[in-house]
N, C-alpha and C. Protein backbone atom coordinates (compact mmCIF):
# COMPACT_ATOMS: atom_id res chain seq x y z
N UNK A 1 -7.55 152.26 -123.43
CA UNK A 1 -7.58 152.65 -122.04
C UNK A 1 -9.04 152.70 -121.58
N UNK A 2 -9.31 152.15 -120.43
CA UNK A 2 -10.65 152.13 -119.86
C UNK A 2 -10.62 152.88 -118.53
N UNK A 3 -11.55 153.81 -118.39
CA UNK A 3 -11.65 154.57 -117.14
C UNK A 3 -12.66 153.92 -116.22
N UNK A 4 -12.29 153.83 -114.97
CA UNK A 4 -13.21 153.33 -113.95
C UNK A 4 -14.19 154.43 -113.57
N UNK A 5 -15.30 154.03 -112.98
CA UNK A 5 -16.31 155.00 -112.57
C UNK A 5 -15.73 156.02 -111.59
N UNK A 6 -14.89 155.57 -110.68
CA UNK A 6 -14.28 156.49 -109.71
C UNK A 6 -13.37 157.51 -110.40
N UNK A 7 -12.70 157.09 -111.47
CA UNK A 7 -11.85 158.01 -112.21
C UNK A 7 -12.69 159.06 -112.95
N UNK A 8 -13.80 158.63 -113.50
CA UNK A 8 -14.70 159.57 -114.16
C UNK A 8 -15.25 160.59 -113.17
N UNK A 9 -15.58 160.12 -111.96
CA UNK A 9 -16.07 161.02 -110.93
C UNK A 9 -15.04 162.07 -110.57
N UNK A 10 -13.79 161.66 -110.49
CA UNK A 10 -12.72 162.61 -110.16
C UNK A 10 -12.57 163.66 -111.25
N UNK A 11 -12.74 163.27 -112.50
CA UNK A 11 -12.64 164.22 -113.60
C UNK A 11 -13.79 165.24 -113.56
N UNK A 12 -14.94 164.82 -113.05
CA UNK A 12 -16.11 165.69 -113.03
C UNK A 12 -16.11 166.65 -111.84
N UNK A 13 -15.32 166.40 -110.82
CA UNK A 13 -15.35 167.22 -109.61
C UNK A 13 -15.08 168.70 -109.84
N UNK A 14 -14.08 169.10 -110.64
CA UNK A 14 -13.88 170.54 -110.85
C UNK A 14 -15.09 171.23 -111.49
N UNK A 15 -15.74 170.57 -112.43
CA UNK A 15 -16.93 171.15 -113.06
C UNK A 15 -18.07 171.27 -112.05
N UNK A 16 -18.21 170.26 -111.20
CA UNK A 16 -19.25 170.29 -110.18
C UNK A 16 -19.00 171.42 -109.19
N UNK A 17 -17.74 171.59 -108.77
CA UNK A 17 -17.39 172.67 -107.84
C UNK A 17 -17.69 174.04 -108.46
N UNK A 18 -17.38 174.19 -109.74
CA UNK A 18 -17.66 175.45 -110.44
C UNK A 18 -19.17 175.71 -110.48
N UNK A 19 -19.93 174.66 -110.76
CA UNK A 19 -21.38 174.81 -110.82
C UNK A 19 -21.94 175.19 -109.45
N UNK A 20 -21.45 174.58 -108.39
CA UNK A 20 -21.90 174.92 -107.04
C UNK A 20 -21.59 176.39 -106.75
N UNK A 21 -20.42 176.85 -107.16
CA UNK A 21 -20.07 178.27 -106.98
C UNK A 21 -21.07 179.17 -107.70
N UNK A 22 -21.47 178.79 -108.90
CA UNK A 22 -22.46 179.56 -109.65
C UNK A 22 -23.82 179.53 -108.95
N UNK A 23 -24.16 178.38 -108.38
CA UNK A 23 -25.42 178.27 -107.64
C UNK A 23 -25.43 179.16 -106.41
N UNK A 24 -24.30 179.24 -105.73
CA UNK A 24 -24.20 180.10 -104.54
C UNK A 24 -24.51 181.55 -104.92
N UNK A 25 -23.97 181.98 -106.04
CA UNK A 25 -24.23 183.35 -106.51
C UNK A 25 -25.70 183.52 -106.86
N UNK A 26 -26.25 182.57 -107.62
CA UNK A 26 -27.66 182.65 -108.03
C UNK A 26 -28.59 182.65 -106.82
N UNK A 27 -28.39 181.73 -105.92
CA UNK A 27 -29.25 181.66 -104.73
C UNK A 27 -29.08 182.92 -103.89
N UNK A 28 -27.85 183.41 -103.80
CA UNK A 28 -27.60 184.63 -103.05
C UNK A 28 -28.32 185.84 -103.62
N UNK A 29 -28.47 185.88 -104.94
CA UNK A 29 -29.19 186.97 -105.59
C UNK A 29 -30.70 186.84 -105.37
N UNK A 30 -31.22 185.63 -105.47
CA UNK A 30 -32.66 185.41 -105.38
C UNK A 30 -33.16 185.25 -103.94
N UNK A 31 -32.35 184.65 -103.10
CA UNK A 31 -32.71 184.36 -101.71
C UNK A 31 -31.53 184.71 -100.81
N UNK A 32 -31.22 185.99 -100.68
CA UNK A 32 -30.01 186.37 -99.93
C UNK A 32 -30.01 185.87 -98.49
N UNK A 33 -31.19 185.77 -97.89
CA UNK A 33 -31.25 185.29 -96.51
C UNK A 33 -30.80 183.84 -96.38
N UNK A 34 -30.85 183.09 -97.46
CA UNK A 34 -30.42 181.69 -97.45
C UNK A 34 -28.91 181.55 -97.55
N UNK A 35 -28.24 182.62 -97.97
CA UNK A 35 -26.80 182.55 -98.19
C UNK A 35 -26.03 183.44 -97.22
N UNK A 36 -26.48 184.66 -97.04
CA UNK A 36 -25.73 185.64 -96.28
C UNK A 36 -25.60 185.29 -94.80
N UNK A 37 -26.59 184.64 -94.25
CA UNK A 37 -26.58 184.34 -92.82
C UNK A 37 -26.04 182.96 -92.49
N UNK A 38 -25.62 182.23 -93.47
CA UNK A 38 -25.19 180.85 -93.26
C UNK A 38 -23.68 180.70 -93.40
N UNK A 39 -23.17 179.64 -92.83
CA UNK A 39 -21.76 179.28 -92.95
C UNK A 39 -21.49 178.82 -94.38
N UNK A 40 -20.45 179.34 -95.04
CA UNK A 40 -20.17 178.98 -96.43
C UNK A 40 -20.02 177.47 -96.65
N UNK A 41 -19.46 176.77 -95.71
CA UNK A 41 -19.31 175.31 -95.85
C UNK A 41 -20.67 174.63 -95.82
N UNK A 42 -21.55 175.10 -94.95
CA UNK A 42 -22.90 174.53 -94.87
C UNK A 42 -23.71 174.84 -96.13
N UNK A 43 -23.53 176.03 -96.67
CA UNK A 43 -24.23 176.39 -97.91
C UNK A 43 -23.79 175.46 -99.04
N UNK A 44 -22.49 175.27 -99.15
CA UNK A 44 -21.95 174.39 -100.20
C UNK A 44 -22.49 172.97 -100.03
N UNK A 45 -22.52 172.46 -98.82
CA UNK A 45 -23.04 171.12 -98.57
C UNK A 45 -24.53 171.03 -98.91
N UNK A 46 -25.27 172.06 -98.50
CA UNK A 46 -26.70 172.08 -98.77
C UNK A 46 -26.97 172.06 -100.27
N UNK A 47 -26.27 172.91 -101.00
CA UNK A 47 -26.49 172.97 -102.45
C UNK A 47 -26.04 171.69 -103.14
N UNK A 48 -24.97 171.09 -102.66
CA UNK A 48 -24.53 169.81 -103.22
C UNK A 48 -25.60 168.75 -103.03
N UNK A 49 -26.22 168.75 -101.85
CA UNK A 49 -27.30 167.80 -101.58
C UNK A 49 -28.50 168.06 -102.49
N UNK A 50 -28.82 169.32 -102.71
CA UNK A 50 -29.95 169.65 -103.59
C UNK A 50 -29.66 169.31 -105.04
N UNK A 51 -28.42 169.45 -105.47
CA UNK A 51 -28.04 169.05 -106.83
C UNK A 51 -28.24 167.55 -106.99
N UNK A 52 -27.85 166.79 -106.00
CA UNK A 52 -28.06 165.34 -106.06
C UNK A 52 -29.54 164.99 -106.07
N UNK A 53 -30.33 165.72 -105.30
CA UNK A 53 -31.78 165.50 -105.29
C UNK A 53 -32.37 165.79 -106.67
N UNK A 54 -31.90 166.86 -107.30
CA UNK A 54 -32.37 167.19 -108.64
C UNK A 54 -32.08 166.05 -109.61
N UNK A 55 -30.91 165.47 -109.49
CA UNK A 55 -30.54 164.35 -110.36
C UNK A 55 -31.44 163.14 -110.13
N UNK A 56 -31.86 162.94 -108.89
CA UNK A 56 -32.76 161.82 -108.59
C UNK A 56 -34.11 161.99 -109.29
N UNK A 57 -34.49 163.23 -109.52
CA UNK A 57 -35.72 163.51 -110.25
C UNK A 57 -35.50 163.56 -111.76
N UNK A 58 -34.28 163.32 -112.18
CA UNK A 58 -33.99 163.27 -113.61
C UNK A 58 -33.55 164.59 -114.22
N UNK A 59 -33.24 165.57 -113.41
CA UNK A 59 -32.77 166.86 -113.91
C UNK A 59 -31.24 166.83 -113.98
N UNK A 60 -30.70 166.96 -115.18
CA UNK A 60 -29.25 166.87 -115.35
C UNK A 60 -28.65 168.11 -116.00
N UNK A 61 -29.41 168.83 -116.77
CA UNK A 61 -28.89 170.06 -117.38
C UNK A 61 -28.74 171.12 -116.29
N UNK A 62 -27.68 171.90 -116.39
CA UNK A 62 -27.41 172.92 -115.36
C UNK A 62 -28.60 173.84 -115.15
N UNK A 63 -29.21 174.28 -116.23
CA UNK A 63 -30.36 175.18 -116.13
C UNK A 63 -31.50 174.53 -115.34
N UNK A 64 -31.76 173.27 -115.60
CA UNK A 64 -32.84 172.57 -114.91
C UNK A 64 -32.51 172.37 -113.44
N UNK A 65 -31.27 171.99 -113.17
CA UNK A 65 -30.85 171.78 -111.78
C UNK A 65 -30.95 173.09 -111.01
N UNK A 66 -30.50 174.17 -111.61
CA UNK A 66 -30.55 175.48 -110.95
C UNK A 66 -31.99 175.87 -110.63
N UNK A 67 -32.88 175.66 -111.56
CA UNK A 67 -34.29 175.98 -111.33
C UNK A 67 -34.86 175.11 -110.22
N UNK A 68 -34.52 173.83 -110.23
CA UNK A 68 -34.97 172.93 -109.16
C UNK A 68 -34.49 173.44 -107.81
N UNK A 69 -33.23 173.86 -107.73
CA UNK A 69 -32.67 174.37 -106.47
C UNK A 69 -33.44 175.62 -106.02
N UNK A 70 -33.75 176.50 -106.95
CA UNK A 70 -34.52 177.70 -106.59
C UNK A 70 -35.91 177.32 -106.07
N UNK A 71 -36.53 176.32 -106.67
CA UNK A 71 -37.82 175.85 -106.16
C UNK A 71 -37.67 175.32 -104.74
N UNK A 72 -36.56 174.64 -104.47
CA UNK A 72 -36.31 174.14 -103.11
C UNK A 72 -36.15 175.28 -102.12
N UNK A 73 -35.58 176.37 -102.56
CA UNK A 73 -35.45 177.54 -101.68
C UNK A 73 -36.84 178.07 -101.33
N UNK A 74 -37.74 177.98 -102.27
CA UNK A 74 -39.11 178.46 -102.05
C UNK A 74 -39.94 177.48 -101.21
N UNK A 75 -39.80 176.20 -101.51
CA UNK A 75 -40.63 175.17 -100.87
C UNK A 75 -40.03 174.56 -99.62
N UNK A 76 -38.71 174.59 -99.53
CA UNK A 76 -37.99 173.89 -98.46
C UNK A 76 -37.27 172.70 -99.05
N UNK A 77 -36.12 172.40 -98.51
CA UNK A 77 -35.27 171.34 -99.06
C UNK A 77 -35.97 169.98 -99.08
N UNK A 78 -36.81 169.74 -98.11
CA UNK A 78 -37.49 168.45 -97.99
C UNK A 78 -38.96 168.54 -98.37
N UNK A 79 -39.25 169.39 -99.35
CA UNK A 79 -40.64 169.58 -99.79
C UNK A 79 -41.31 168.27 -100.15
N UNK A 80 -40.53 167.33 -100.68
CA UNK A 80 -41.09 166.08 -101.16
C UNK A 80 -41.45 165.10 -100.05
N UNK A 81 -41.12 165.45 -98.83
CA UNK A 81 -41.50 164.62 -97.68
C UNK A 81 -42.79 165.13 -97.03
N UNK A 82 -43.32 166.23 -97.54
CA UNK A 82 -44.53 166.83 -97.00
C UNK A 82 -45.71 166.47 -97.90
N UNK A 83 -46.71 165.84 -97.32
CA UNK A 83 -47.86 165.38 -98.10
C UNK A 83 -48.61 166.54 -98.77
N UNK A 84 -48.48 167.75 -98.24
CA UNK A 84 -49.13 168.91 -98.85
C UNK A 84 -48.54 169.23 -100.22
N UNK A 85 -47.34 168.74 -100.48
CA UNK A 85 -46.66 168.99 -101.76
C UNK A 85 -46.73 167.81 -102.71
N UNK A 86 -47.68 166.90 -102.48
CA UNK A 86 -47.78 165.69 -103.31
C UNK A 86 -47.95 166.02 -104.79
N UNK A 87 -48.75 167.01 -105.09
CA UNK A 87 -48.98 167.38 -106.49
C UNK A 87 -47.68 167.83 -107.15
N UNK A 88 -46.88 168.59 -106.43
CA UNK A 88 -45.59 169.05 -106.94
C UNK A 88 -44.64 167.88 -107.11
N UNK A 89 -44.57 167.05 -106.09
CA UNK A 89 -43.68 165.89 -106.14
C UNK A 89 -44.06 164.96 -107.30
N UNK A 90 -45.35 164.75 -107.47
CA UNK A 90 -45.82 163.90 -108.57
C UNK A 90 -45.42 164.47 -109.93
N UNK A 91 -45.49 165.78 -110.08
CA UNK A 91 -45.09 166.41 -111.35
C UNK A 91 -43.60 166.24 -111.60
N UNK A 92 -42.80 166.41 -110.54
CA UNK A 92 -41.36 166.21 -110.70
C UNK A 92 -41.03 164.78 -111.08
N UNK A 93 -41.78 163.83 -110.58
CA UNK A 93 -41.52 162.41 -110.84
C UNK A 93 -42.00 161.95 -112.22
N UNK A 94 -42.88 162.70 -112.84
CA UNK A 94 -43.50 162.27 -114.10
C UNK A 94 -42.50 162.36 -115.26
N UNK A 95 -41.85 161.25 -115.54
CA UNK A 95 -40.83 161.23 -116.59
C UNK A 95 -41.43 161.07 -117.98
N UNK A 96 -42.75 161.05 -118.06
CA UNK A 96 -43.38 160.95 -119.38
C UNK A 96 -43.39 162.31 -120.10
N UNK A 97 -43.07 163.37 -119.37
CA UNK A 97 -42.95 164.68 -119.98
C UNK A 97 -41.52 165.19 -119.81
N UNK A 98 -41.14 166.15 -120.61
CA UNK A 98 -39.76 166.63 -120.58
C UNK A 98 -39.45 167.33 -119.26
N UNK A 99 -38.16 167.40 -118.96
CA UNK A 99 -37.71 168.05 -117.74
C UNK A 99 -38.19 169.51 -117.71
N UNK A 100 -38.04 170.21 -118.82
CA UNK A 100 -38.45 171.62 -118.86
C UNK A 100 -39.95 171.76 -118.60
N UNK A 101 -40.75 170.89 -119.19
CA UNK A 101 -42.19 170.96 -118.97
C UNK A 101 -42.56 170.65 -117.53
N UNK A 102 -41.85 169.72 -116.91
CA UNK A 102 -42.11 169.42 -115.49
C UNK A 102 -41.80 170.64 -114.64
N UNK A 103 -40.66 171.29 -114.92
CA UNK A 103 -40.27 172.47 -114.16
C UNK A 103 -41.24 173.63 -114.39
N UNK A 104 -41.65 173.82 -115.64
CA UNK A 104 -42.62 174.88 -115.94
C UNK A 104 -43.93 174.65 -115.20
N UNK A 105 -44.36 173.41 -115.21
CA UNK A 105 -45.61 173.05 -114.54
C UNK A 105 -45.54 173.33 -113.03
N UNK A 106 -44.43 172.94 -112.44
CA UNK A 106 -44.26 173.18 -111.00
C UNK A 106 -44.15 174.68 -110.73
N UNK A 107 -43.47 175.40 -111.60
CA UNK A 107 -43.38 176.84 -111.44
C UNK A 107 -44.76 177.50 -111.44
N UNK A 108 -45.63 177.02 -112.30
CA UNK A 108 -47.00 177.54 -112.33
C UNK A 108 -47.76 177.21 -111.05
N UNK A 109 -47.47 176.06 -110.46
CA UNK A 109 -48.13 175.70 -109.20
C UNK A 109 -47.62 176.55 -108.04
N UNK A 110 -46.35 176.83 -108.04
CA UNK A 110 -45.75 177.56 -106.91
C UNK A 110 -46.06 179.05 -106.99
N UNK A 111 -45.90 179.60 -108.16
CA UNK A 111 -46.03 181.05 -108.30
C UNK A 111 -47.34 181.38 -108.97
């Protein structure tokens, strides 16, 4: 039996929804103003978009994605479109170092 890519995506949806739910809780604890004052559907869409952005930077482990999302809460969702954040964006893009090291490095720059 061979599964098509669309079938694999359907199998992954419940896990993705669960992860988004966990992110809503995490973001709500760390940045309550980002969650409490927003429409739940918009929050879910926003976090889904940020999860996809994290994947574009090569972050796939839940822990790494969650940390990336928290950085986005601090920097803004479109931090990578701002030339003032070039150093941060360049660190995220540098695939010659591990995901954890990239995140640690950016954490040191932000905080």
